[in-house]
Amino acid sequence: MSDQTATTRIRNADWVVAFDASSGRHVYRRNIDVEFAGGAITHVGTSRGGAVASEIDGGGLMVMPGLINVHSHPTSESMLKGLTDEAGSPKLYNSSLYEYLFLFQNDAAGTRAASEVSFCELLTSGVTTLCDLSLEHEGWLDTLGESGLRAYAAPMFRSGRWRTGNGHSVSYEWNEEGGRKAMESALRLIDRARQHPSGRLSGMVCPAQIDTCTAELISSAADAARERNLPFQIHAAQSVVEFHEIMRRHGKTPIEWLQSLGALGPNALIGHGIFLDHHSWLHWTSRDDMGRLAQSGTNIAHCPTVFMRRGITLQDFGAYKRVGINIGIGTDTFPHNFIEEMRNAAYAARIAAGNVHALRTTDIFDAATLGGAKALGRDDIGRIAAGAKADLVLVDVAHPAMRPVYDPIRSLIYAAGERAIRQVFVDGRQVVKDGKALAFDYADAAARLEAAQARSIEKVPQFDWGRRSVSVLMPPTYEVN
């Protein structure tokens, strides 16, 4: 293992996305050095010379801060590739949650394979910090530790679960005592994560979905997060069904109800936050939810791709930003390609607003770095500055897909994508080399995941309300002869 106290210098980088403390913003700097040692950045600026343990020629490179993924389900979503791409219940506002979410049950081997695939995709698309919203499972923390990522384990828990018996109505089954015990177990796992020998793991308190949790569970979870100085995240305002269910139960919008429970605040993230009371699909009479989020300092975890597939989007990213809501970005689905997620966030926002000037690439990249850091209560990630963590992404600006290089961040997001990412460092340790994740064998993991998917597909009829097979639920693009 390399000496982490030794200094590495990226010499004379063509471009550096550096943090300017005086303005609180990223800026481009040209032909400067970035040095790091002991897991932290020690110098950003003109060359100061002297011997170092290792040196990287920065010619032809852009150095940018590692990207922060605030919402991801790596243990399950990767297995759904080719299956749920077009799945949505027409009689449930085209949501895929109620009819399809629990159809595919992953076994232990498949969970491990899905995790490895997801982590490889995240790392090679520039993610260095991950919020992993998963169900508690054997070996979870060690797999996160092996990956090289800086990670927040977010074991989900709930008081009940939804189901549909006909594809057009949703009912709920409750087990409040089970929810309380699951939260206690989640908190114990978070304690173990914070003590993990990798030194890169932490935790997030995560009651799963607003409509599957009692008021008591949500309030207790929010209190536990504040007492432990941890971030708190809950799926909310993610479907029209959920909006009306919370309104039916409590006479409040989902955001209004969370506010009444004391669950909003600077440490809180709302997973998705799409169906606020201003959304056009709701035709609601109030317009107060965005103000509630802004005034409380609550953050949004924005995951555009999974909703775009079903014709759903935030209305809109630029509007949320203009009222002062902090936004981070997540990959809620396959592929776990963060550059694609950023690109989709930009395009969806402009279409939803009907205005190409509704936001700039600056807003998207800031959300993926500074916005994610703020949501997690951190000022030492998502930026390149002396004293920040050495979480760095090296982009090949000479890659044909990046050229001509007038604006390298735009070229990366809108043209080259992850193909131009060559090296990634987390805590000063290299986790991606020549575009390949070092911790796991991506191809081998994908083969094991394919086998796990086949095992899961066989069992789908027993979980479907109509006992339908996958070929009926999700027919292939073309008939197989």
Protein backbone atom coordinates (compact mmCIF):
# COMPACT_ATOMS: atom_id res chain seq x y z
CA MET A 1 0.00 0.00 0.00
CA SER A 2 1.26 3.48 -0.87
CA ASP A 3 2.31 5.92 1.85
CA GLN A 4 -0.71 8.20 2.28
CA THR A 5 1.39 10.83 4.06
CA ALA A 6 3.59 11.28 0.99
CA THR A 7 2.78 14.15 -1.36
CA THR A 8 1.41 13.64 -4.86
CA ARG A 9 1.59 16.54 -7.28
CA ILE A 10 -0.58 17.01 -10.38
CA ARG A 11 1.80 19.27 -12.25
CA ASN A 12 0.74 22.06 -14.55
CA ALA A 13 -2.82 20.90 -15.16
CA ASP A 14 -4.40 22.42 -18.24
CA TRP A 15 -7.61 23.13 -16.35
CA VAL A 16 -8.55 23.04 -12.68
CA VAL A 17 -12.08 23.55 -11.36
CA ALA A 18 -10.90 25.26 -8.20
CA PHE A 19 -12.92 26.68 -5.31
CA ASP A 20 -12.67 30.42 -4.74
CA ALA A 21 -13.32 30.99 -1.03
CA SER A 22 -13.87 34.73 -1.46
CA SER A 23 -16.87 34.22 -3.74
CA GLY A 24 -17.91 30.75 -2.52
CA ARG A 25 -17.90 29.51 -6.12
CA HIS A 26 -15.98 27.25 -8.47
CA VAL A 27 -13.68 28.97 -10.95
CA TYR A 28 -11.57 27.72 -13.81
CA ARG A 29 -7.83 28.07 -13.30
CA ARG A 30 -5.29 27.26 -15.98
CA ASN A 31 -1.85 25.66 -15.84
CA ILE A 32 -1.52 25.28 -12.08
CA ASP A 33 -0.52 22.49 -9.68
CA VAL A 34 -2.70 20.52 -7.28
CA GLU A 35 -0.93 18.69 -4.46
CA PHE A 36 -2.34 16.29 -1.89
CA ALA A 37 -1.07 14.21 1.01
CA GLY A 38 -2.58 12.38 3.96
CA GLY A 39 -5.97 12.30 2.26
CA ALA A 40 -6.21 16.10 1.96
CA ILE A 41 -5.40 18.74 -0.63
CA THR A 42 -2.35 20.68 0.47
CA HIS A 43 -1.76 23.15 -2.37
CA VAL A 44 -3.68 24.61 -5.31
CA GLY A 45 -1.79 27.19 -7.34
CA THR A 46 1.36 28.01 -9.20
CA SER A 47 4.20 25.56 -8.89
CA ARG A 48 6.13 25.79 -5.66
CA GLY A 49 8.72 23.26 -6.80
CA GLY A 50 10.50 20.84 -4.53
CA ALA A 51 10.60 17.07 -4.51
CA VAL A 52 7.44 15.02 -4.04
CA ALA A 53 6.81 11.30 -3.72
CA SER A 54 4.91 11.06 -6.99
CA GLU A 55 3.97 13.35 -9.82
CA ILE A 56 1.25 13.28 -12.46
CA ASP A 57 1.73 15.28 -15.64
CA GLY A 58 -1.31 17.56 -15.81
CA GLY A 59 -0.86 18.31 -19.50
CA GLY A 60 -4.08 17.47 -21.32
CA LEU A 61 -6.01 17.07 -18.06
CA MET A 62 -8.81 18.84 -16.24
CA VAL A 63 -8.81 18.32 -12.48
CA MET A 64 -12.24 18.65 -10.95
CA PRO A 65 -13.73 17.87 -7.54
CA GLY A 66 -15.24 14.46 -6.97
CA LEU A 67 -18.98 14.32 -7.57
CA ILE A 68 -21.47 13.73 -4.74
CA ASN A 69 -24.36 11.32 -5.25
CA VAL A 70 -27.00 12.09 -2.60
CA HIS A 71 -29.52 9.35 -3.50
CA SER A 72 -28.84 5.90 -4.87
CA HIS A 73 -30.06 2.30 -4.56
CA PRO A 74 -27.02 0.33 -5.74
CA THR A 75 -28.04 -3.05 -4.32
CA SER A 76 -31.20 -3.36 -6.39
CA GLU A 77 -31.56 -0.97 -9.30
CA SER A 78 -28.74 -2.35 -11.44
CA MET A 79 -30.56 -5.69 -11.67
CA LEU A 80 -33.56 -4.02 -13.33
CA LYS A 81 -31.75 -3.06 -16.52
CA GLY A 82 -33.84 -3.96 -19.56
CA LEU A 83 -36.89 -4.68 -17.38
CA THR A 84 -38.34 -1.51 -15.85
CA ASP A 85 -37.10 0.99 -18.43
CA GLU A 86 -40.67 1.52 -19.67
CA ALA A 87 -42.67 0.17 -16.73
CA GLY A 88 -45.31 2.43 -15.21
CA SER A 89 -48.88 1.92 -14.08
CA PRO A 90 -51.21 3.94 -16.37
CA LYS A 91 -53.97 3.93 -13.75
CA LEU A 92 -51.60 5.12 -11.00
CA TYR A 93 -50.35 8.27 -12.76
CA ASN A 94 -47.68 6.21 -14.54
CA SER A 95 -45.69 5.64 -11.35
CA SER A 96 -43.66 2.42 -11.27
CA LEU A 97 -43.67 2.22 -7.47
CA TYR A 98 -46.81 0.41 -6.50
CA GLU A 99 -47.11 -2.31 -9.10
CA TYR A 100 -43.49 -3.01 -9.99
CA LEU A 101 -41.14 -2.07 -7.13
CA PHE A 102 -41.41 -5.33 -5.20
CA LEU A 103 -41.61 -7.72 -8.15
CA PHE A 104 -37.90 -8.41 -8.35
CA GLN A 105 -36.39 -9.96 -5.24
CA ASN A 106 -32.60 -10.11 -5.19
CA ASP A 107 -30.70 -12.85 -3.35
CA ALA A 108 -27.45 -12.37 -1.46
CA ALA A 109 -25.23 -13.19 -4.43
CA GLY A 110 -27.23 -10.86 -6.65
CA THR A 111 -27.06 -8.07 -4.07
CA ARG A 112 -23.29 -8.30 -4.01
CA ALA A 113 -23.08 -8.37 -7.82
CA ALA A 114 -25.46 -5.41 -8.15
CA SER A 115 -23.40 -3.44 -5.64
CA GLU A 116 -20.16 -4.10 -7.49
CA VAL A 117 -21.67 -3.12 -10.84
CA SER A 118 -23.16 0.05 -9.39
CA PHE A 119 -19.97 1.07 -7.61
CA CYS A 120 -17.89 0.57 -10.77
CA GLU A 121 -20.31 2.73 -12.77
CA LEU A 122 -20.40 5.42 -10.11
CA LEU A 123 -16.64 5.63 -9.73
CA THR A 124 -15.92 5.69 -13.45
CA SER A 125 -18.46 8.50 -13.88
CA GLY A 126 -16.67 10.62 -11.30
CA VAL A 127 -18.57 9.93 -8.09
CA THR A 128 -16.43 9.98 -4.96
CA THR A 129 -19.15 10.36 -2.29
CA LEU A 130 -22.23 8.13 -2.26
CA CYS A 131 -25.42 7.96 -0.21
CA ASP A 132 -26.43 4.31 -0.37
CA LEU A 133 -30.14 3.91 0.43
CA SER A 134 -30.51 0.14 0.76
CA LEU A 135 -32.08 -2.47 2.97
CA GLU A 136 -29.72 -3.78 5.63
CA HIS A 137 -27.82 -6.83 4.38
CA GLU A 138 -24.86 -9.01 5.23
CA GLY A 139 -21.46 -7.59 4.32
CA TRP A 140 -22.83 -4.16 3.31
CA LEU A 141 -20.28 -2.03 5.14
CA ASP A 142 -17.32 -4.12 4.07
CA THR A 143 -18.42 -3.94 0.42
CA LEU A 144 -18.69 -0.16 0.72
CA GLY A 145 -15.26 -0.10 2.31
CA GLU A 146 -13.75 -2.23 -0.46
CA SER A 147 -15.16 0.04 -3.14
CA GLY A 148 -12.93 2.96 -2.21
CA LEU A 149 -15.90 5.35 -2.15
CA ARG A 150 -16.63 7.84 0.59
CA ALA A 151 -20.04 6.52 1.56
CA TYR A 152 -23.07 7.14 3.73
CA ALA A 153 -24.88 3.93 4.63
CA ALA A 154 -28.60 4.73 4.76
CA PRO A 155 -30.45 1.59 5.92
CA MET A 156 -34.11 2.16 5.08
CA PHE A 157 -36.89 1.30 7.53
CA ARG A 158 -40.66 1.74 7.50
CA SER A 159 -43.83 1.07 9.48
CA GLY A 160 -45.66 -0.67 6.66
CA ARG A 161 -45.72 -1.33 2.97
CA TRP A 162 -47.94 -0.54 0.04
CA ARG A 163 -49.49 -2.98 -2.39
CA THR A 164 -51.92 -2.99 -5.27
CA GLY A 165 -54.26 -5.86 -5.94
CA ASN A 166 -55.58 -4.55 -9.23
CA GLY A 167 -53.19 -1.98 -10.75
CA HIS A 168 -55.48 0.98 -10.04
CA SER A 169 -55.77 1.29 -6.25
CA VAL A 170 -53.18 1.20 -3.45
CA SER A 171 -53.59 -0.21 0.04
CA TYR A 172 -51.23 -0.25 3.01
CA GLU A 173 -50.30 -3.00 5.47
CA TRP A 174 -48.94 -1.80 8.83
CA ASN A 175 -46.51 -3.18 11.39
CA GLU A 176 -45.60 -0.29 13.66
CA GLU A 177 -43.57 -2.35 16.10
CA GLY A 178 -41.60 -3.80 13.20
CA GLY A 179 -40.83 -0.27 12.02
CA ARG A 180 -39.52 0.78 15.43
CA LYS A 181 -37.28 -2.28 15.65
CA ALA A 182 -36.00 -1.70 12.11
CA MET A 183 -35.06 1.87 13.02
CA GLU A 184 -33.16 0.67 16.09
CA SER A 185 -31.27 -1.83 13.93
CA ALA A 186 -30.55 0.88 11.34
CA LEU A 187 -29.08 3.16 14.01
CA ARG A 188 -26.83 0.37 15.23
CA LEU A 189 -25.59 -0.24 11.69
CA ILE A 190 -24.91 3.50 11.29
CA ASP A 191 -22.84 3.42 14.49
CA ARG A 192 -20.80 0.57 12.99
CA ALA A 193 -20.36 2.48 9.74
CA ARG A 194 -18.90 5.46 11.58
CA GLN A 195 -16.40 3.14 13.25
CA HIS A 196 -15.43 1.30 10.06
CA PRO A 197 -11.65 0.87 9.68
CA SER A 198 -11.68 2.44 6.21
CA GLY A 199 -12.39 5.82 7.84
CA ARG A 200 -14.55 6.78 4.85
CA LEU A 201 -17.97 5.58 6.00
CA SER A 202 -20.71 7.43 7.78
CA GLY A 203 -24.47 7.09 8.01
CA MET A 204 -27.78 8.67 7.12
CA VAL A 205 -31.08 8.20 8.95
CA CYS A 206 -33.60 7.09 6.34
CA PRO A 207 -37.27 6.34 6.99
CA ALA A 208 -38.10 4.86 3.62
CA GLN A 209 -41.18 6.60 2.22
CA ILE A 210 -43.46 9.20 3.71
CA ASP A 211 -46.58 7.11 3.06
CA THR A 212 -45.13 3.93 4.61
CA CYS A 213 -44.10 5.57 7.89
CA THR A 214 -46.16 6.64 10.88
CA ALA A 215 -45.89 10.13 12.29
CA GLU A 216 -44.13 8.69 15.34
CA LEU A 217 -41.50 6.89 13.25
CA ILE A 218 -40.73 9.97 11.16
CA SER A 219 -40.48 12.25 14.20
CA SER A 220 -38.29 9.76 16.06
CA ALA A 221 -36.03 9.36 13.04
CA ALA A 222 -35.66 13.12 12.60
CA ASP A 223 -34.81 13.50 16.29
CA ALA A 224 -32.26 10.67 16.10
CA ALA A 225 -30.57 12.29 13.11
CA ARG A 226 -30.27 15.65 14.88
CA GLU A 227 -29.01 14.06 18.11
CA ARG A 228 -26.29 12.21 16.19
CA ASN A 229 -25.48 15.13 13.86
CA LEU A 230 -26.40 13.01 10.83
CA PRO A 231 -28.23 13.77 7.59
CA PHE A 232 -31.84 12.60 7.32
CA GLN A 233 -33.55 11.55 4.09
CA ILE A 234 -37.05 10.39 3.21
CA HIS A 235 -38.75 9.68 -0.13
CA ALA A 236 -41.54 12.25 -0.36
CA ALA A 237 -43.52 14.10 -3.02
CA GLN A 238 -42.52 11.36 -5.45
CA SER A 239 -45.95 10.44 -6.86
CA VAL A 240 -49.45 11.80 -7.34
CA VAL A 241 -50.78 8.76 -5.47
CA GLU A 242 -48.65 9.63 -2.45
CA PHE A 243 -49.70 13.30 -2.52
CA HIS A 244 -53.37 12.40 -2.37
CA GLU A 245 -52.82 9.65 0.20
CA ILE A 246 -51.12 12.03 2.63
CA MET A 247 -53.78 14.66 1.96
CA ARG A 248 -56.50 12.06 2.63
CA ARG A 249 -54.89 10.96 5.91
CA HIS A 250 -53.79 14.29 7.31
CA GLY A 251 -55.34 17.13 5.31
CA LYS A 252 -51.83 18.36 4.49
CA THR A 253 -49.47 18.16 1.55
CA PRO A 254 -46.55 15.75 2.10
CA ILE A 255 -44.17 18.69 2.66
CA GLU A 256 -46.63 20.42 4.99
CA TRP A 257 -47.05 17.23 7.00
CA LEU A 258 -43.28 16.73 7.32
CA GLN A 259 -43.02 20.31 8.54
CA SER A 260 -45.66 19.64 11.21
CA LEU A 261 -43.61 16.63 12.37
CA GLY A 262 -40.42 18.67 12.74
CA ALA A 263 -38.75 16.69 9.95
CA LEU A 264 -37.66 19.62 7.77
CA GLY A 265 -34.39 21.46 8.27
CA PRO A 266 -30.83 21.94 6.99
CA ASN A 267 -29.88 18.30 7.67
CA ALA A 268 -32.93 16.95 5.84
CA LEU A 269 -33.11 15.76 2.25
CA ILE A 270 -36.37 15.13 0.45
CA GLY A 271 -35.88 12.24 -1.96
CA HIS A 272 -37.32 13.61 -5.22
CA GLY A 273 -39.63 16.41 -4.02
CA ILE A 274 -41.39 16.57 -7.38
CA PHE A 275 -45.07 16.74 -6.51
CA LEU A 276 -45.13 19.92 -4.48
CA ASP A 277 -48.41 21.81 -4.44
CA HIS A 278 -47.44 23.91 -7.49
CA HIS A 279 -46.96 20.91 -9.81
CA SER A 280 -49.23 21.07 -12.86
CA TRP A 281 -50.34 17.44 -12.55
CA LEU A 282 -51.95 18.19 -9.17
CA HIS A 283 -53.99 21.29 -10.07
CA TRP A 284 -53.83 22.18 -6.37
CA THR A 285 -55.10 25.40 -4.87
CA SER A 286 -52.06 26.37 -2.75
CA ARG A 287 -48.51 27.30 -3.73
CA ASP A 288 -46.72 27.03 -0.39
CA ASP A 289 -44.48 23.95 -0.49
CA MET A 290 -41.45 25.53 -2.15
CA GLY A 291 -41.53 28.29 0.46
CA ARG A 292 -41.67 25.72 3.26
CA LEU A 293 -38.57 24.00 1.91
CA ALA A 294 -36.65 27.22 1.30
CA GLN A 295 -37.46 28.78 4.68
CA SER A 296 -36.51 25.62 6.60
CA GLY A 297 -33.28 25.10 4.65
CA THR A 298 -34.40 21.62 3.54
CA ASN A 299 -32.55 20.03 0.63
CA ILE A 300 -33.83 18.19 -2.44
CA ALA A 301 -32.24 14.97 -3.76
CA HIS A 302 -32.99 15.32 -7.47
CA CYS A 303 -32.88 12.12 -9.58
CA PRO A 304 -34.23 13.03 -13.03
CA THR A 305 -33.60 9.89 -15.09
CA VAL A 306 -35.92 7.42 -13.37
CA PHE A 307 -38.82 9.89 -13.61
CA MET A 308 -38.07 11.06 -17.15
CA ARG A 309 -38.63 7.48 -18.27
CA ARG A 310 -42.24 7.86 -17.16
CA GLY A 311 -42.82 11.37 -18.45
CA ILE A 312 -42.43 12.93 -14.99
CA THR A 313 -40.13 15.76 -13.95
CA LEU A 314 -39.46 18.41 -11.35
CA GLN A 315 -41.18 21.67 -12.25
CA ASP A 316 -38.50 22.89 -12.37
CA PHE A 317 -34.89 22.85 -11.21
CA GLY A 318 -34.38 26.54 -11.97
CA ALA A 319 -37.54 27.56 -10.09
CA TYR A 320 -36.44 25.64 -6.99
CA LYS A 321 -33.04 27.31 -7.11
CA ARG A 322 -34.49 30.78 -7.53
CA VAL A 323 -36.47 30.53 -4.30
CA GLY A 324 -33.36 29.36 -2.46
CA ILE A 325 -33.80 25.57 -2.21
CA ASN A 326 -30.51 23.69 -2.17
CA ILE A 327 -30.43 20.77 -4.61
CA GLY A 328 -28.15 17.75 -4.80
CA ILE A 329 -28.21 15.10 -7.52
CA GLY A 330 -28.62 11.33 -7.25
CA THR A 331 -28.77 8.25 -9.46
CA ASP A 332 -32.00 6.57 -8.41
CA THR A 333 -31.82 3.99 -11.19
CA PHE A 334 -29.61 2.21 -13.69
CA PRO A 335 -27.19 2.97 -15.13
CA HIS A 336 -25.42 4.54 -12.18
CA ASN A 337 -23.84 7.03 -14.55
CA PHE A 338 -23.60 10.37 -12.81
CA ILE A 339 -22.58 12.37 -15.87
CA GLU A 340 -25.71 11.19 -17.68
CA GLU A 341 -27.77 12.13 -14.63
CA MET A 342 -26.35 15.66 -14.73
CA ARG A 343 -27.09 15.95 -18.44
CA ASN A 344 -30.66 14.74 -17.94
CA ALA A 345 -31.14 17.20 -15.08
CA ALA A 346 -30.23 20.06 -17.41
CA TYR A 347 -32.41 18.95 -20.30
CA ALA A 348 -35.43 18.10 -18.13
CA ALA A 349 -35.27 21.48 -16.39
CA ARG A 350 -35.24 23.41 -19.66
CA ILE A 351 -38.13 21.41 -21.10
CA ALA A 352 -40.19 21.69 -17.90
CA ALA A 353 -39.62 25.44 -17.73
CA GLY A 354 -40.18 25.96 -21.43
CA ASN A 355 -37.09 28.11 -21.28
CA VAL A 356 -33.56 27.17 -22.27
CA HIS A 357 -32.27 29.89 -19.94
CA ALA A 358 -34.09 28.44 -16.88
CA LEU A 359 -30.73 27.29 -15.55
CA ARG A 360 -27.08 27.10 -16.56
CA THR A 361 -24.56 24.31 -16.53
CA THR A 362 -23.13 26.12 -13.51
CA ASP A 363 -26.29 25.23 -11.56
CA ILE A 364 -26.00 21.55 -12.48
CA PHE A 365 -22.31 21.19 -11.65
CA ASP A 366 -22.76 23.14 -8.43
CA ALA A 367 -25.60 20.80 -7.40
CA ALA A 368 -23.38 17.78 -8.11
CA THR A 369 -20.60 19.15 -5.91
CA LEU A 370 -21.29 22.07 -3.57
CA GLY A 371 -25.03 21.32 -3.34
CA GLY A 372 -24.42 17.72 -2.35
CA ALA A 373 -21.80 18.76 0.19
CA LYS A 374 -24.16 21.30 1.75
CA ALA A 375 -26.95 18.72 1.98
CA LEU A 376 -24.58 16.44 3.89
CA GLY A 377 -23.46 19.27 6.16
CA ARG A 378 -19.89 19.29 4.86
CA ASP A 379 -17.49 21.92 3.61
CA ASP A 380 -14.56 19.58 2.96
CA ILE A 381 -15.85 17.73 -0.12
CA GLY A 382 -17.13 18.82 -3.52
CA ARG A 383 -14.40 21.44 -3.90
CA ILE A 384 -10.73 21.77 -4.74
CA ALA A 385 -9.14 23.90 -2.05
CA ALA A 386 -6.33 23.50 0.46
CA GLY A 387 -7.63 21.54 3.44
CA ALA A 388 -10.45 19.82 1.55
CA LYS A 389 -10.49 16.06 1.10
CA ALA A 390 -8.37 14.79 -1.77
CA ASP A 391 -11.39 13.56 -3.75
CA LEU A 392 -10.36 14.35 -7.30
CA VAL A 393 -11.37 13.45 -10.84
CA LEU A 394 -8.92 13.72 -13.73
CA VAL A 395 -10.52 14.25 -17.13
CA ASP A 396 -8.73 13.76 -20.44
CA VAL A 397 -9.42 17.03 -22.26
CA ALA A 398 -7.53 15.68 -25.29
CA HIS A 399 -10.11 12.90 -25.72
CA PRO A 400 -11.76 13.38 -29.14
CA ALA A 401 -15.21 13.64 -27.55
CA MET A 402 -13.98 16.56 -25.43
CA ARG A 403 -12.59 18.53 -28.37
CA PRO A 404 -12.67 21.34 -29.21
CA VAL A 405 -12.20 22.36 -25.59
CA TYR A 406 -13.74 25.79 -25.21
CA ASP A 407 -15.53 24.93 -21.95
CA PRO A 408 -14.44 21.56 -20.51
CA ILE A 409 -17.32 21.11 -18.05
CA ARG A 410 -19.86 21.59 -20.84
CA SER A 411 -17.89 19.23 -23.07
CA LEU A 412 -17.85 16.62 -20.31
CA ILE A 413 -21.55 16.80 -19.46
CA TYR A 414 -23.07 17.28 -22.92
CA ALA A 415 -20.64 15.40 -25.15
CA ALA A 416 -17.91 13.17 -23.74
CA GLY A 417 -19.56 11.79 -20.62
CA GLU A 418 -17.67 9.27 -18.53
CA ARG A 419 -15.51 8.23 -21.54
CA ALA A 420 -13.15 11.11 -20.81
CA ILE A 421 -12.67 10.33 -17.11
CA ARG A 422 -9.28 8.72 -16.70
CA GLN A 423 -8.35 8.74 -13.00
CA VAL A 424 -10.25 9.19 -9.75
CA PHE A 425 -8.88 9.62 -6.24
CA VAL A 426 -10.80 9.34 -2.97
CA ASP A 427 -9.05 10.43 0.21
CA GLY A 428 -5.88 10.60 -1.87
CA ARG A 429 -6.10 6.94 -2.90
CA GLN A 430 -6.49 6.03 -6.56
CA VAL A 431 -9.77 4.21 -7.18
CA VAL A 432 -10.00 4.56 -10.98
CA LYS A 433 -7.07 4.09 -13.35
CA ASP A 434 -7.27 4.48 -17.12
CA GLY A 435 -11.05 4.64 -16.90
CA LYS A 436 -11.44 1.39 -14.93
CA ALA A 437 -12.51 0.98 -11.30
CA LEU A 438 -9.82 -0.81 -9.35
CA ALA A 439 -11.79 -2.45 -6.54
CA PHE A 440 -13.96 -4.81 -8.56
CA ASP A 441 -14.00 -6.64 -11.88
CA TYR A 442 -16.86 -4.87 -13.67
CA ALA A 443 -17.31 -7.50 -16.39
CA ASP A 444 -17.33 -10.36 -13.91
CA ALA A 445 -19.80 -8.55 -11.64
CA ALA A 446 -22.08 -7.84 -14.62
CA ALA A 447 -22.07 -11.55 -15.57
CA ARG A 448 -23.00 -12.53 -12.00
CA LEU A 449 -25.71 -9.88 -11.99
CA GLU A 450 -27.18 -11.25 -15.21
CA ALA A 451 -27.47 -14.67 -13.58
CA ALA A 452 -29.13 -13.10 -10.53
CA GLN A 453 -31.61 -11.29 -12.77
CA ALA A 454 -32.56 -14.57 -14.42
CA ARG A 455 -33.20 -16.14 -11.00
CA SER A 456 -35.36 -13.19 -10.00
CA ILE A 457 -37.37 -13.18 -13.23
CA GLU A 458 -38.49 -16.76 -12.58
CA LYS A 459 -40.13 -15.70 -9.30
CA VAL A 460 -41.95 -12.62 -10.54
CA PRO A 461 -45.41 -14.23 -10.98
CA GLN A 462 -45.60 -15.05 -7.27
CA PHE A 463 -45.19 -11.37 -6.36
CA ASP A 464 -47.46 -9.91 -9.04
CA TRP A 465 -51.11 -9.31 -8.16
CA GLY A 466 -52.19 -10.83 -11.48
CA ARG A 467 -49.62 -13.67 -11.42
CA ARG A 468 -48.26 -12.35 -14.71
CA SER A 469 -44.88 -13.28 -16.13
CA VAL A 470 -42.17 -10.77 -17.02
CA SER A 471 -42.81 -11.31 -20.73
CA VAL A 472 -46.38 -10.09 -20.17
CA LEU A 473 -45.53 -7.26 -17.78
CA MET A 474 -42.48 -6.05 -19.69
CA PRO A 475 -42.55 -7.41 -23.24
CA PRO A 476 -39.26 -7.06 -25.11
CA THR A 477 -38.78 -4.35 -27.72
CA TYR A 478 -39.27 -6.91 -30.48
CA GLU A 479 -40.87 -10.33 -30.49
CA VAL A 480 -38.41 -13.17 -30.09
CA ASN A 481 -38.82 -15.76 -32.88
